[in-house]
Amino acid sequence: MKTASTRKTLAVAALVFGMAAFSRTSFAADAALPETLSHAGQLNVGVKCDAPPAAFLNAQGKPEGIDVDFARYIAKNAFGDPGKAVFTCVTSATRMQMLISGKVDLVIATMSPTDERKRVVDFADSTNWGASGVLVRRGEQYNKLEDFNGKTLLSMKGGWQAQYVRKNYPDIHLVLLDSMNDAITALQQHRADGLTEDVKALLPAVARDPDMQLSNVSFGISWGAPAVRRGDDGLRNYVNRMIAQARQDGTFEQAVKKFTSGRLQEAVLNGYLTAPPDGSSSVNTVLR
């Protein structure tokens, strides 16, 4: 994960209108399906269940979304059956512990590969990037994070934005919640002044509620990547192969178009298919 102090005009313009395409060079060698996964006969995956379009619960209470479709894509390639991807709902606060404890084999849950996290889990290559922003009530004006000094800003427990604000803006009253739904409700009920998350995670709230808007605040670029247990090189290499293949065969693009439309679709497509304005790389290292 790379961050940059980025002007909104640069970051959001890049999100919405796009920049140069990712390199589509394939990985040098195919990775074999790990033996442990082959014996298990299924892939246990942790996904968010309240973070459209990445992952959410449909009307039947079943997970859907871009991350869910990618997990099913992995399962189809591994076992010949997308139904072999078995999903568990995780939050920003629980996803790493669910992985470390063995309750899931893989986490695809809007997680940025920070150096702190790399000391605990291993990340596959990044799949997408996004700018961080702040959701506010319509008509309220905020142009920079300093404008929230002395005010209440919501963020997700375990999220990168919370760590960034706590470290760099001690005068902001930061309140951490477990779910996006709870945070949006708190903002609607005037129990907070703003909610910070990836822009692409905030846009669905703007689309659903005409009383919500994105502020002019943008404060960084973050990457999202799948995570495996530390030292599970077999699964990590296999997921890397699937990421490269999905980018080349259009799987990511199809999933984004399936679950988004309008401005949100443009933003998310650019996060998957273009380079970010800060020039950061989609390739992650694994700390040893």
Protein backbone atom coordinates (compact mmCIF):
# COMPACT_ATOMS: atom_id res chain seq x y z
CA MET A 1 0.00 0.00 0.00
CA LYS A 2 1.29 3.36 -1.01
CA THR A 3 -0.18 6.64 0.13
CA ALA A 4 0.21 10.13 -1.22
CA SER A 5 -1.09 13.54 -0.31
CA THR A 6 -3.19 13.93 -3.41
CA ARG A 7 -5.39 16.79 -4.50
CA LYS A 8 -8.98 15.81 -5.03
CA THR A 9 -8.92 17.14 -8.55
CA LEU A 10 -6.13 14.70 -9.33
CA ALA A 11 -7.24 11.66 -7.38
CA VAL A 12 -10.93 11.75 -8.14
CA ALA A 13 -10.37 12.70 -11.77
CA ALA A 14 -8.13 9.67 -12.07
CA LEU A 15 -10.77 7.53 -10.44
CA VAL A 16 -13.57 8.70 -12.66
CA PHE A 17 -11.89 9.26 -15.98
CA GLY A 18 -8.92 6.87 -15.78
CA MET A 19 -5.29 6.95 -16.70
CA ALA A 20 -2.81 4.65 -18.40
CA ALA A 21 -3.76 0.98 -18.36
CA PHE A 22 -2.14 -1.60 -16.12
CA SER A 23 0.52 -3.67 -17.76
CA ARG A 24 -1.08 -6.91 -18.93
CA THR A 25 2.09 -8.97 -18.88
CA SER A 26 1.35 -12.48 -17.66
CA PHE A 27 3.28 -14.16 -14.88
CA ALA A 28 6.32 -16.08 -16.03
CA ALA A 29 5.17 -19.46 -14.78
CA ASP A 30 1.89 -21.08 -13.84
CA ALA A 31 1.38 -21.90 -10.17
CA ALA A 32 0.03 -25.33 -9.30
CA LEU A 33 -3.00 -25.80 -7.06
CA PRO A 34 -1.69 -26.32 -3.51
CA GLU A 35 -1.99 -29.92 -2.33
CA THR A 36 -3.73 -28.93 0.90
CA LEU A 37 -6.38 -27.05 -1.07
CA SER A 38 -6.80 -29.93 -3.49
CA HIS A 39 -7.41 -32.34 -0.60
CA ALA A 40 -9.86 -29.97 1.08
CA GLY A 41 -11.96 -29.76 -2.07
CA GLN A 42 -13.15 -26.25 -1.32
CA LEU A 43 -11.84 -22.73 -0.74
CA ASN A 44 -12.93 -20.99 2.45
CA VAL A 45 -12.99 -17.25 1.79
CA GLY A 46 -13.54 -14.28 4.08
CA VAL A 47 -15.40 -11.39 2.40
CA LYS A 48 -17.08 -8.21 3.56
CA CYS A 49 -20.87 -8.46 3.71
CA ASP A 50 -21.69 -4.76 3.88
CA ALA A 51 -19.33 -3.22 1.33
CA PRO A 52 -20.97 -2.94 -2.10
CA PRO A 53 -19.86 -3.29 -4.81
CA ALA A 54 -16.94 -5.36 -3.42
CA ALA A 55 -19.13 -7.70 -1.38
CA PHE A 56 -22.57 -7.54 0.22
CA LEU A 57 -25.56 -9.74 1.07
CA ASN A 58 -28.31 -10.00 -1.54
CA ALA A 59 -32.04 -10.22 -0.85
CA GLN A 60 -31.64 -13.93 -0.09
CA GLY A 61 -28.89 -13.26 2.43
CA LYS A 62 -26.16 -14.68 0.18
CA PRO A 63 -22.83 -12.92 -0.56
CA GLU A 64 -22.52 -11.13 -3.89
CA GLY A 65 -20.11 -8.65 -5.39
CA ILE A 66 -16.84 -8.22 -7.24
CA ASP A 67 -14.76 -9.98 -4.58
CA VAL A 68 -17.28 -12.82 -4.39
CA ASP A 69 -17.20 -13.34 -8.15
CA PHE A 70 -13.40 -13.41 -8.10
CA ALA A 71 -13.39 -16.02 -5.32
CA ARG A 72 -15.80 -18.14 -7.35
CA TYR A 73 -13.51 -17.68 -10.36
CA ILE A 74 -10.63 -19.09 -8.32
CA ALA A 75 -12.77 -22.03 -7.19
CA LYS A 76 -13.91 -22.77 -10.74
CA ASN A 77 -10.31 -22.88 -11.94
CA ALA A 78 -9.21 -24.94 -8.94
CA PHE A 79 -12.08 -27.43 -8.67
CA GLY A 80 -14.15 -26.98 -11.82
CA ASP A 81 -17.02 -25.64 -9.71
CA PRO A 82 -17.51 -22.00 -8.59
CA GLY A 83 -19.72 -23.33 -5.81
CA LYS A 84 -16.62 -24.71 -4.08
CA ALA A 85 -15.93 -21.19 -2.80
CA VAL A 86 -17.44 -21.13 0.70
CA PHE A 87 -17.93 -17.66 2.17
CA THR A 88 -17.67 -16.26 5.69
CA CYS A 89 -18.55 -12.65 6.50
CA VAL A 90 -15.68 -10.64 7.97
CA THR A 91 -15.20 -7.02 9.00
CA SER A 92 -12.17 -4.76 8.92
CA ALA A 93 -11.64 -5.61 12.59
CA THR A 94 -12.02 -9.41 12.29
CA ARG A 95 -10.65 -10.35 8.86
CA MET A 96 -7.01 -10.90 9.87
CA GLN A 97 -7.87 -12.94 12.96
CA MET A 98 -10.26 -15.12 10.95
CA LEU A 99 -7.40 -15.84 8.55
CA ILE A 100 -4.72 -16.42 11.20
CA SER A 101 -6.98 -18.77 13.20
CA GLY A 102 -7.66 -20.92 10.13
CA LYS A 103 -11.37 -20.20 9.92
CA VAL A 104 -10.81 -19.04 6.34
CA ASP A 105 -8.04 -19.85 3.83
CA LEU A 106 -8.16 -16.59 1.94
CA VAL A 107 -9.37 -13.07 2.68
CA ILE A 108 -10.62 -10.88 -0.17
CA ALA A 109 -12.04 -8.01 1.82
CA THR A 110 -10.90 -4.55 0.67
CA MET A 111 -7.67 -4.91 2.68
CA SER A 112 -4.60 -2.79 1.97
CA PRO A 113 -1.19 -4.52 2.20
CA THR A 114 0.45 -2.27 4.78
CA ASP A 115 3.86 -3.15 6.22
CA GLU A 116 2.25 -3.66 9.63
CA ARG A 117 -0.15 -6.25 8.21
CA LYS A 118 2.61 -7.93 6.19
CA ARG A 119 4.28 -8.87 9.48
CA VAL A 120 1.25 -11.00 10.32
CA VAL A 121 -0.17 -12.27 7.00
CA ASP A 122 1.06 -12.58 3.41
CA PHE A 123 -0.55 -10.71 0.54
CA ALA A 124 -1.05 -11.70 -3.06
CA ASP A 125 -0.61 -9.04 -5.73
CA SER A 126 -2.98 -6.10 -5.57
CA THR A 127 -6.17 -6.23 -7.61
CA ASN A 128 -7.28 -2.59 -7.42
CA TRP A 129 -6.60 0.86 -5.99
CA GLY A 130 -8.73 3.70 -4.72
CA ALA A 131 -8.54 7.21 -3.32
CA SER A 132 -9.71 7.83 0.24
CA GLY A 133 -12.46 10.38 0.78
CA VAL A 134 -15.02 11.61 3.29
CA LEU A 135 -18.80 11.26 3.10
CA VAL A 136 -20.78 14.17 4.59
CA ARG A 137 -24.35 15.43 4.69
CA ARG A 138 -25.38 17.38 1.60
CA GLY A 139 -24.71 21.10 1.80
CA GLU A 140 -21.87 20.81 4.32
CA GLN A 141 -18.49 22.05 3.08
CA TYR A 142 -15.17 20.39 3.90
CA ASN A 143 -12.07 20.85 1.74
CA LYS A 144 -9.31 19.20 3.78
CA LEU A 145 -9.00 16.87 6.75
CA GLU A 146 -8.01 19.78 9.01
CA ASP A 147 -11.57 21.07 8.59
CA PHE A 148 -12.67 18.17 10.82
CA ASN A 149 -10.52 19.30 13.77
CA GLY A 150 -12.77 19.33 16.83
CA LYS A 151 -15.43 17.38 14.94
CA THR A 152 -16.41 13.71 14.88
CA LEU A 153 -15.19 11.57 12.01
CA LEU A 154 -16.25 7.94 11.58
CA SER A 155 -14.09 5.15 10.22
CA MET A 156 -13.98 1.36 10.16
CA LYS A 157 -12.23 -0.60 12.91
CA GLY A 158 -9.04 -2.03 11.46
CA GLY A 159 -9.19 0.19 8.38
CA TRP A 160 -6.25 2.10 6.91
CA GLN A 161 -8.07 5.43 7.01
CA ALA A 162 -8.52 5.17 10.78
CA GLN A 163 -4.80 4.59 11.28
CA TYR A 164 -3.93 7.50 9.01
CA VAL A 165 -6.26 9.98 10.72
CA ARG A 166 -5.24 8.91 14.22
CA LYS A 167 -1.55 9.33 13.41
CA ASN A 168 -1.72 12.59 11.48
CA TYR A 169 -4.78 14.46 12.83
CA PRO A 170 -4.95 14.10 16.64
CA ASP A 171 -7.45 16.97 16.93
CA ILE A 172 -10.10 15.01 15.04
CA HIS A 173 -12.46 13.03 17.27
CA LEU A 174 -12.24 9.63 15.60
CA VAL A 175 -14.98 7.07 16.25
CA LEU A 176 -14.48 3.52 14.98
CA LEU A 177 -17.41 1.29 13.99
CA ASP A 178 -17.71 -2.31 12.83
CA SER A 179 -19.82 -1.82 9.71
CA MET A 180 -20.43 0.67 6.93
CA ASN A 181 -24.18 0.41 7.49
CA ASP A 182 -23.80 1.49 11.13
CA ALA A 183 -21.51 4.35 10.12
CA ILE A 184 -23.85 5.66 7.43
CA THR A 185 -26.79 5.50 9.84
CA ALA A 186 -24.81 7.44 12.46
CA LEU A 187 -23.99 10.12 9.89
CA GLN A 188 -27.61 10.35 8.76
CA GLN A 189 -28.69 10.76 12.40
CA HIS A 190 -26.23 13.65 12.94
CA ARG A 191 -24.18 11.62 15.44
CA ALA A 192 -21.03 12.42 13.44
CA ASP A 193 -19.79 14.97 10.93
CA GLY A 194 -18.21 12.68 8.34
CA LEU A 195 -17.31 9.12 7.36
CA THR A 196 -13.96 8.28 5.79
CA GLU A 197 -13.38 5.28 3.53
CA ASP A 198 -12.32 4.48 -0.03
CA VAL A 199 -14.22 6.71 -2.46
CA LYS A 200 -15.59 3.66 -4.28
CA ALA A 201 -17.02 2.39 -0.98
CA LEU A 202 -18.71 5.75 -0.31
CA LEU A 203 -20.27 6.32 -3.74
CA PRO A 204 -23.04 3.70 -3.23
CA ALA A 205 -24.22 5.66 -0.18
CA VAL A 206 -24.39 8.83 -2.29
CA ALA A 207 -26.43 6.97 -4.91
CA ARG A 208 -28.88 5.63 -2.30
CA ASP A 209 -29.35 8.77 -0.22
CA PRO A 210 -29.79 12.22 -1.84
CA ASP A 211 -28.97 13.82 1.52
CA MET A 212 -25.39 12.48 1.37
CA GLN A 213 -22.47 13.78 -0.72
CA LEU A 214 -18.72 13.33 -1.10
CA SER A 215 -16.75 16.19 0.40
CA ASN A 216 -13.80 17.81 -1.36
CA VAL A 217 -11.41 15.90 0.92
CA SER A 218 -9.07 13.36 -0.65
CA PHE A 219 -5.98 12.20 1.22
CA GLY A 220 -4.32 9.22 -0.35
CA ILE A 221 -4.19 6.21 -2.61
CA SER A 222 -4.52 2.71 -1.17
CA TRP A 223 -4.32 -0.70 -2.80
CA GLY A 224 -6.53 -3.71 -2.13
CA ALA A 225 -5.09 -7.22 -2.17
CA PRO A 226 -6.11 -10.77 -1.17
CA ALA A 227 -4.36 -12.16 1.91
CA VAL A 228 -3.31 -15.67 2.94
CA ARG A 229 -1.75 -17.07 6.11
CA ARG A 230 1.89 -16.23 6.58
CA GLY A 231 4.12 -18.66 4.72
CA ASP A 232 1.34 -20.13 2.56
CA ASP A 233 3.32 -19.55 -0.62
CA GLY A 234 1.42 -22.23 -2.54
CA LEU A 235 -1.94 -20.52 -2.21
CA ARG A 236 -0.46 -17.05 -2.60
CA ASN A 237 1.23 -18.03 -5.87
CA TYR A 238 -1.96 -19.67 -7.12
CA VAL A 239 -4.00 -16.55 -6.31
CA ASN A 240 -1.39 -14.41 -8.09
CA ARG A 241 -1.84 -16.56 -11.17
CA MET A 242 -5.62 -16.11 -10.94
CA ILE A 243 -5.26 -12.33 -10.56
CA ALA A 244 -3.14 -12.10 -13.71
CA GLN A 245 -5.50 -14.40 -15.61
CA ALA A 246 -8.62 -12.54 -14.45
CA ARG A 247 -7.16 -9.23 -15.56
CA GLN A 248 -6.24 -10.62 -18.97
CA ASP A 249 -9.46 -12.51 -19.71
CA GLY A 250 -11.77 -9.69 -18.61
CA THR A 251 -13.11 -11.33 -15.45
CA PHE A 252 -12.53 -8.26 -13.28
CA GLU A 253 -14.06 -5.96 -15.86
CA GLN A 254 -17.15 -8.18 -16.20
CA ALA A 255 -17.61 -8.34 -12.43
CA VAL A 256 -17.33 -4.57 -12.05
CA LYS A 257 -19.90 -3.97 -14.81
CA LYS A 258 -22.21 -6.57 -13.25
CA PHE A 259 -22.39 -4.82 -9.88
CA THR A 260 -21.99 -1.12 -10.74
CA SER A 261 -23.28 1.58 -13.05
CA GLY A 262 -22.74 5.26 -13.82
CA ARG A 263 -20.12 7.21 -11.91
CA LEU A 264 -19.44 4.32 -9.54
CA GLN A 265 -18.73 1.98 -12.45
CA GLU A 266 -16.24 4.40 -13.97
CA ALA A 267 -14.48 4.82 -10.64
CA VAL A 268 -14.24 1.11 -9.88
CA LEU A 269 -13.21 0.15 -13.42
CA ASN A 270 -10.36 2.62 -13.26
CA GLY A 271 -9.30 1.17 -9.92
CA TYR A 272 -8.99 -2.27 -11.52
CA LEU A 273 -7.73 -1.39 -14.98
CA THR A 274 -5.66 1.81 -14.77
CA ALA A 275 -2.64 3.17 -12.94
CA PRO A 276 -3.16 5.58 -10.00
CA PRO A 277 -2.10 9.24 -10.09
CA ASP A 278 0.67 8.79 -7.51
CA GLY A 279 2.53 6.25 -9.65
CA SER A 280 2.44 3.55 -6.98
CA SER A 281 2.92 -0.07 -7.99
CA SER A 282 0.40 -2.88 -7.91
CA VAL A 283 3.10 -5.38 -6.94
CA ASN A 284 3.39 -6.20 -3.24
CA THR A 285 6.36 -7.63 -1.42
CA VAL A 286 6.17 -10.33 1.24
CA LEU A 287 8.11 -9.62 4.42
CA ARG A 288 10.30 -12.48 5.64
